[in-house]
Structures are given as C-alpha cells and as structure tokens.
Amino acid sequence: MSADPAVKIRPARRDDVFAIVAMLADDHLGAGREKLEDPLPESYYAAFDALEHSPHIQMVVAEDHDGRVVGCLQLAVLPGLSSQGASRAIIEDVRVARDCRSRGIGELLVRWAIDEARRQGCKLVELFTHQSRVDAQRFYVRLGFQPSHVGMTMRF
C-alpha cells in the first residue's frame, strides 16, 4: 500500500493543535484522556509550545492536497549511555484521521520517523502501543518492529 503522493509531512504548527487533539481523542483510550472542546484547554497549547521549543522532539503532521491535517506523529531523540552511548528515537502519538485510514498515511509517517532517526544518528527506534490496540501492533510488525518490552505506566 502506498500513500497518496499529494500527502506531505511537515512540522506541526500551533494552528494544527485542534486537529491533532481531535485525532488523539478519536479512539476508546483517547476519548477518556483528551478534552476535545472549542476552544481547547490552554494546556494543549502550552504543551505544544514546549514541544516546539525542544531541540530533541519533533511533532509532525501529514497534510493532504487540500491543506487538511490527516495524520500526526511525535518523534523524540534521546541521547543515552546505553548501547555504547547510542541515541534512540521514540515514536509516539501516531494517528490518522478516521476517514483517511488504510491509505498508507500512517506508514508514510512512521517511515519518515525512521528515516529521521537514522539521519540523526540513532541506533534504534522504539515505540509503544497499548495492548488493546491489536490492529496497531500488526501494523508496526508489518513495518519491521518487533515486540520487545513490557511497558508499565504510572499516571498522576
């Protein structure tokens, strides 16, 4: 499956935040975590501002030929001492708008992130997906990821 060639990956902008939050909220887990209202709570914009100013994090969106944000992804590059001082990339918040799924947009986003991680000298790429997201797990395996860790979470 190949993505629509008219879809492009670009850095997220502050005016994309509502579309990003809408995608984050559009599943059984996100619906309970996110607060999708107009206007959005200021906490989303404060978080975006922090992301935008971080030298180690990139938030990108997939934009269709009409300028609509149809996907998003966050990539963090973390320096570390493990693996002989290797940097690692962590992919998070991969989402595609519900009406645009199965068009290769998620694959385009993840492959962009893998290429960017390599470009930045990372030696591995990790991502986490909830155990209930079995379709997402199959998708990531198809792209070459292998189950490797037991994830644990503590929310405050």
C-alpha atoms as a PDB file:
ATOM      1  CA  MET A   1       0.000   0.000   0.000  1.00  0.00           C
ATOM      2  CA  SER A   2       1.407   3.398  -0.877  1.00  0.00           C
ATOM      3  CA  ALA A   3       0.311   6.747   0.436  1.00  0.00           C
ATOM      4  CA  ASP A   4      -1.327   9.374  -1.695  1.00  0.00           C
ATOM      5  CA  PRO A   5       1.591  11.293  -3.241  1.00  0.00           C
ATOM      6  CA  ALA A   6      -0.269  14.535  -2.519  1.00  0.00           C
ATOM      7  CA  VAL A   7       0.113  13.910   1.223  1.00  0.00           C
ATOM      8  CA  LYS A   8       3.139  15.656   2.670  1.00  0.00           C
ATOM      9  CA  ILE A   9       4.830  15.517   6.062  1.00  0.00           C
ATOM     10  CA  ARG A  10       5.597  18.871   7.644  1.00  0.00           C
ATOM     11  CA  PRO A  11       6.338  20.273  11.093  1.00  0.00           C
ATOM     12  CA  ALA A  12       3.200  20.821  13.137  1.00  0.00           C
ATOM     13  CA  ARG A  13       2.096  24.388  13.725  1.00  0.00           C
ATOM     14  CA  ARG A  14       0.185  25.869  16.616  1.00  0.00           C
ATOM     15  CA  ASP A  15      -2.915  26.155  14.439  1.00  0.00           C
ATOM     16  CA  ASP A  16      -2.800  22.355  13.925  1.00  0.00           C
ATOM     17  CA  VAL A  17      -3.310  21.631  17.622  1.00  0.00           C
ATOM     18  CA  PHE A  18      -7.106  21.239  17.425  1.00  0.00           C
ATOM     19  CA  ALA A  19      -6.835  18.727  14.551  1.00  0.00           C
ATOM     20  CA  ILE A  20      -4.114  16.796  16.407  1.00  0.00           C
ATOM     21  CA  VAL A  21      -6.135  16.626  19.630  1.00  0.00           C
ATOM     22  CA  ALA A  22      -9.203  15.522  17.657  1.00  0.00           C
ATOM     23  CA  MET A  23      -7.198  12.569  16.272  1.00  0.00           C
ATOM     24  CA  LEU A  24      -5.780  11.759  19.726  1.00  0.00           C
ATOM     25  CA  ALA A  25      -9.313  11.713  21.153  1.00  0.00           C
ATOM     26  CA  ASP A  26     -10.766   9.515  18.408  1.00  0.00           C
ATOM     27  CA  ASP A  27     -10.460   6.062  19.955  1.00  0.00           C
ATOM     28  CA  HIS A  28     -11.505   4.188  23.074  1.00  0.00           C
ATOM     29  CA  LEU A  29      -8.407   5.238  25.034  1.00  0.00           C
ATOM     30  CA  GLY A  30      -8.085   8.827  23.860  1.00  0.00           C
ATOM     31  CA  ALA A  31     -11.761   9.564  24.434  1.00  0.00           C
ATOM     32  CA  GLY A  32     -11.162   9.165  28.164  1.00  0.00           C
ATOM     33  CA  ARG A  33      -7.883  11.111  28.236  1.00  0.00           C
ATOM     34  CA  GLU A  34      -8.469  14.080  25.985  1.00  0.00           C
ATOM     35  CA  LYS A  35     -10.740  17.064  26.402  1.00  0.00           C
ATOM     36  CA  LEU A  36     -11.943  17.952  22.921  1.00  0.00           C
ATOM     37  CA  GLU A  37     -13.872  21.201  23.178  1.00  0.00           C
ATOM     38  CA  ASP A  38     -13.824  24.513  21.350  1.00  0.00           C
ATOM     39  CA  PRO A  39     -11.817  26.331  22.422  1.00  0.00           C
ATOM     40  CA  LEU A  40      -9.332  23.717  23.585  1.00  0.00           C
ATOM     41  CA  PRO A  41      -7.988  23.972  27.116  1.00  0.00           C
ATOM     42  CA  GLU A  42      -4.880  26.170  27.176  1.00  0.00           C
ATOM     43  CA  SER A  43      -2.855  23.209  28.489  1.00  0.00           C
ATOM     44  CA  TYR A  44      -2.715  21.786  24.940  1.00  0.00           C
ATOM     45  CA  TYR A  45      -1.208  24.981  23.565  1.00  0.00           C
ATOM     46  CA  ALA A  46       1.286  25.225  26.426  1.00  0.00           C
ATOM     47  CA  ALA A  47       2.346  21.632  25.727  1.00  0.00           C
ATOM     48  CA  PHE A  48       2.674  22.367  22.002  1.00  0.00           C
ATOM     49  CA  ASP A  49       4.820  25.424  22.748  1.00  0.00           C
ATOM     50  CA  ALA A  50       7.110  23.268  24.909  1.00  0.00           C
ATOM     51  CA  LEU A  51       7.353  20.627  22.159  1.00  0.00           C
ATOM     52  CA  GLU A  52       8.068  23.239  19.532  1.00  0.00           C
ATOM     53  CA  HIS A  53      10.971  24.636  21.553  1.00  0.00           C
ATOM     54  CA  SER A  54      12.523  21.295  22.478  1.00  0.00           C
ATOM     55  CA  PRO A  55      15.656  20.501  20.460  1.00  0.00           C
ATOM     56  CA  HIS A  56      15.044  16.756  20.833  1.00  0.00           C
ATOM     57  CA  ILE A  57      11.358  16.486  19.893  1.00  0.00           C
ATOM     58  CA  GLN A  58       9.577  16.920  16.598  1.00  0.00           C
ATOM     59  CA  MET A  59       5.823  16.946  16.154  1.00  0.00           C
ATOM     60  CA  VAL A  60       4.880  16.484  12.513  1.00  0.00           C
ATOM     61  CA  VAL A  61       1.622  16.246  10.637  1.00  0.00           C
ATOM     62  CA  ALA A  62       0.529  14.667   7.399  1.00  0.00           C
ATOM     63  CA  GLU A  63      -1.283  17.227   5.283  1.00  0.00           C
ATOM     64  CA  ASP A  64      -3.414  16.332   2.268  1.00  0.00           C
ATOM     65  CA  HIS A  65      -3.603  18.236  -1.027  1.00  0.00           C
ATOM     66  CA  ASP A  66      -6.406  20.426   0.380  1.00  0.00           C
ATOM     67  CA  GLY A  67      -4.262  21.503   3.351  1.00  0.00           C
ATOM     68  CA  ARG A  68      -6.184  19.335   5.833  1.00  0.00           C
ATOM     69  CA  VAL A  69      -4.222  17.705   8.646  1.00  0.00           C
ATOM     70  CA  VAL A  70      -4.922  13.974   8.257  1.00  0.00           C
ATOM     71  CA  GLY A  71      -2.244  12.447  10.487  1.00  0.00           C
ATOM     72  CA  CYS A  72       0.321  13.207  13.158  1.00  0.00           C
ATOM     73  CA  LEU A  73       3.331  11.763  14.919  1.00  0.00           C
ATOM     74  CA  GLN A  74       5.761  12.823  17.627  1.00  0.00           C
ATOM     75  CA  LEU A  75       9.423  11.832  17.427  1.00  0.00           C
ATOM     76  CA  ALA A  76      11.785  12.200  20.385  1.00  0.00           C
ATOM     77  CA  VAL A  77      15.524  11.615  20.041  1.00  0.00           C
ATOM     78  CA  LEU A  78      17.153  10.769  23.350  1.00  0.00           C
ATOM     79  CA  PRO A  79      20.885  10.663  23.914  1.00  0.00           C
ATOM     80  CA  GLY A  80      21.966   7.927  26.283  1.00  0.00           C
ATOM     81  CA  LEU A  81      24.830   5.917  27.722  1.00  0.00           C
ATOM     82  CA  SER A  82      23.322   2.507  26.992  1.00  0.00           C
ATOM     83  CA  SER A  83      24.441   0.650  23.879  1.00  0.00           C
ATOM     84  CA  GLN A  84      27.815   2.370  23.896  1.00  0.00           C
ATOM     85  CA  GLY A  85      26.386   5.869  24.091  1.00  0.00           C
ATOM     86  CA  ALA A  86      23.790   5.416  21.363  1.00  0.00           C
ATOM     87  CA  SER A  87      20.928   7.799  20.822  1.00  0.00           C
ATOM     88  CA  ARG A  88      17.487   6.261  20.480  1.00  0.00           C
ATOM     89  CA  ALA A  89      14.341   7.552  18.881  1.00  0.00           C
ATOM     90  CA  ILE A  90      10.911   7.141  20.380  1.00  0.00           C
ATOM     91  CA  ILE A  91       7.842   7.400  18.177  1.00  0.00           C
ATOM     92  CA  GLU A  92       4.630   8.457  19.908  1.00  0.00           C
ATOM     93  CA  ASP A  93       1.125   9.642  19.171  1.00  0.00           C
ATOM     94  CA  VAL A  94       0.841   8.185  15.675  1.00  0.00           C
ATOM     95  CA  ARG A  95      -2.669   8.957  14.495  1.00  0.00           C
ATOM     96  CA  VAL A  96      -4.529   9.135  11.209  1.00  0.00           C
ATOM     97  CA  ALA A  97      -7.922  10.770  10.779  1.00  0.00           C
ATOM     98  CA  ARG A  98     -10.628   8.108  10.845  1.00  0.00           C
ATOM     99  CA  ASP A  99     -11.853   8.820   7.304  1.00  0.00           C
ATOM    100  CA  CYS A 100      -8.297   8.630   5.918  1.00  0.00           C
ATOM    101  CA  ARG A 101      -7.171   5.312   7.373  1.00  0.00           C
ATOM    102  CA  SER A 102      -5.920   2.434   5.192  1.00  0.00           C
ATOM    103  CA  ARG A 103      -4.466   4.850   2.646  1.00  0.00           C
ATOM    104  CA  GLY A 104      -0.803   4.492   3.671  1.00  0.00           C
ATOM    105  CA  ILE A 105      -0.655   7.725   5.665  1.00  0.00           C
ATOM    106  CA  GLY A 106       0.366   6.026   8.914  1.00  0.00           C
ATOM    107  CA  GLU A 107       3.089   4.133   7.075  1.00  0.00           C
ATOM    108  CA  LEU A 108       4.308   7.362   5.473  1.00  0.00           C
ATOM    109  CA  LEU A 109       4.537   8.985   8.911  1.00  0.00           C
ATOM    110  CA  VAL A 110       6.352   6.072  10.559  1.00  0.00           C
ATOM    111  CA  ARG A 111       8.797   5.659   7.673  1.00  0.00           C
ATOM    112  CA  TRP A 112       9.514   9.398   7.866  1.00  0.00           C
ATOM    113  CA  ALA A 113      10.287   8.995  11.577  1.00  0.00           C
ATOM    114  CA  ILE A 114      12.584   6.013  10.959  1.00  0.00           C
ATOM    115  CA  ASP A 115      14.479   7.943   8.270  1.00  0.00           C
ATOM    116  CA  GLU A 116      14.751  10.986  10.534  1.00  0.00           C
ATOM    117  CA  ALA A 117      16.057   8.826  13.389  1.00  0.00           C
ATOM    118  CA  ARG A 118      18.742   7.408  11.108  1.00  0.00           C
ATOM    119  CA  ARG A 119      19.603  10.892   9.863  1.00  0.00           C
ATOM    120  CA  GLN A 120      20.122  11.981  13.473  1.00  0.00           C
ATOM    121  CA  GLY A 121      22.416   9.017  14.181  1.00  0.00           C
ATOM    122  CA  CYS A 122      20.073   6.927  16.308  1.00  0.00           C
ATOM    123  CA  LYS A 123      20.924   3.248  16.698  1.00  0.00           C
ATOM    124  CA  LEU A 124      17.378   2.126  17.467  1.00  0.00           C
ATOM    125  CA  VAL A 125      13.789   3.251  17.226  1.00  0.00           C
ATOM    126  CA  GLU A 126      11.213   2.351  19.835  1.00  0.00           C
ATOM    127  CA  LEU A 127       7.517   2.875  20.067  1.00  0.00           C
ATOM    128  CA  PHE A 128       4.816   1.900  22.483  1.00  0.00           C
ATOM    129  CA  THR A 129       1.256   0.964  21.736  1.00  0.00           C
ATOM    130  CA  HIS A 130      -1.443  -0.035  24.163  1.00  0.00           C
ATOM    131  CA  GLN A 131      -2.010  -3.775  24.496  1.00  0.00           C
ATOM    132  CA  SER A 132      -5.623  -3.307  23.393  1.00  0.00           C
ATOM    133  CA  ARG A 133      -4.565  -1.812  20.049  1.00  0.00           C
ATOM    134  CA  VAL A 134      -4.040  -5.103  18.247  1.00  0.00           C
ATOM    135  CA  ASP A 135      -4.504  -3.584  14.777  1.00  0.00           C
ATOM    136  CA  ALA A 136      -1.757  -1.058  15.539  1.00  0.00           C
ATOM    137  CA  GLN A 137       0.505  -3.866  16.758  1.00  0.00           C
ATOM    138  CA  ARG A 138       0.029  -5.769  13.473  1.00  0.00           C
ATOM    139  CA  PHE A 139       0.734  -2.552  11.572  1.00  0.00           C
ATOM    140  CA  TYR A 140       4.024  -1.961  13.406  1.00  0.00           C
ATOM    141  CA  VAL A 141       5.142  -5.578  12.964  1.00  0.00           C
ATOM    142  CA  ARG A 142       4.449  -5.238   9.233  1.00  0.00           C
ATOM    143  CA  LEU A 143       6.780  -2.227   9.199  1.00  0.00           C
ATOM    144  CA  GLY A 144       9.576  -4.249  10.829  1.00  0.00           C
ATOM    145  CA  PHE A 145       9.129  -3.557  14.551  1.00  0.00           C
ATOM    146  CA  GLN A 146       9.353  -6.490  16.945  1.00  0.00           C
ATOM    147  CA  PRO A 147       7.693  -6.885  20.343  1.00  0.00           C
ATOM    148  CA  SER A 148      10.495  -6.441  22.849  1.00  0.00           C
ATOM    149  CA  HIS A 149       9.489  -4.883  26.173  1.00  0.00           C
ATOM    150  CA  VAL A 150       6.854  -4.973  28.835  1.00  0.00           C
ATOM    151  CA  GLY A 151       5.553  -1.435  29.192  1.00  0.00           C
ATOM    152  CA  MET A 152       4.469  -0.008  32.508  1.00  0.00           C
ATOM    153  CA  THR A 153       2.667   3.240  33.219  1.00  0.00           C
ATOM    154  CA  MET A 154       2.017   5.411  36.244  1.00  0.00           C
ATOM    155  CA  ARG A 155      -0.454   8.255  35.752  1.00  0.00           C
ATOM    156  CA  PHE A 156      -0.799  11.261  38.037  1.00  0.00           C
END
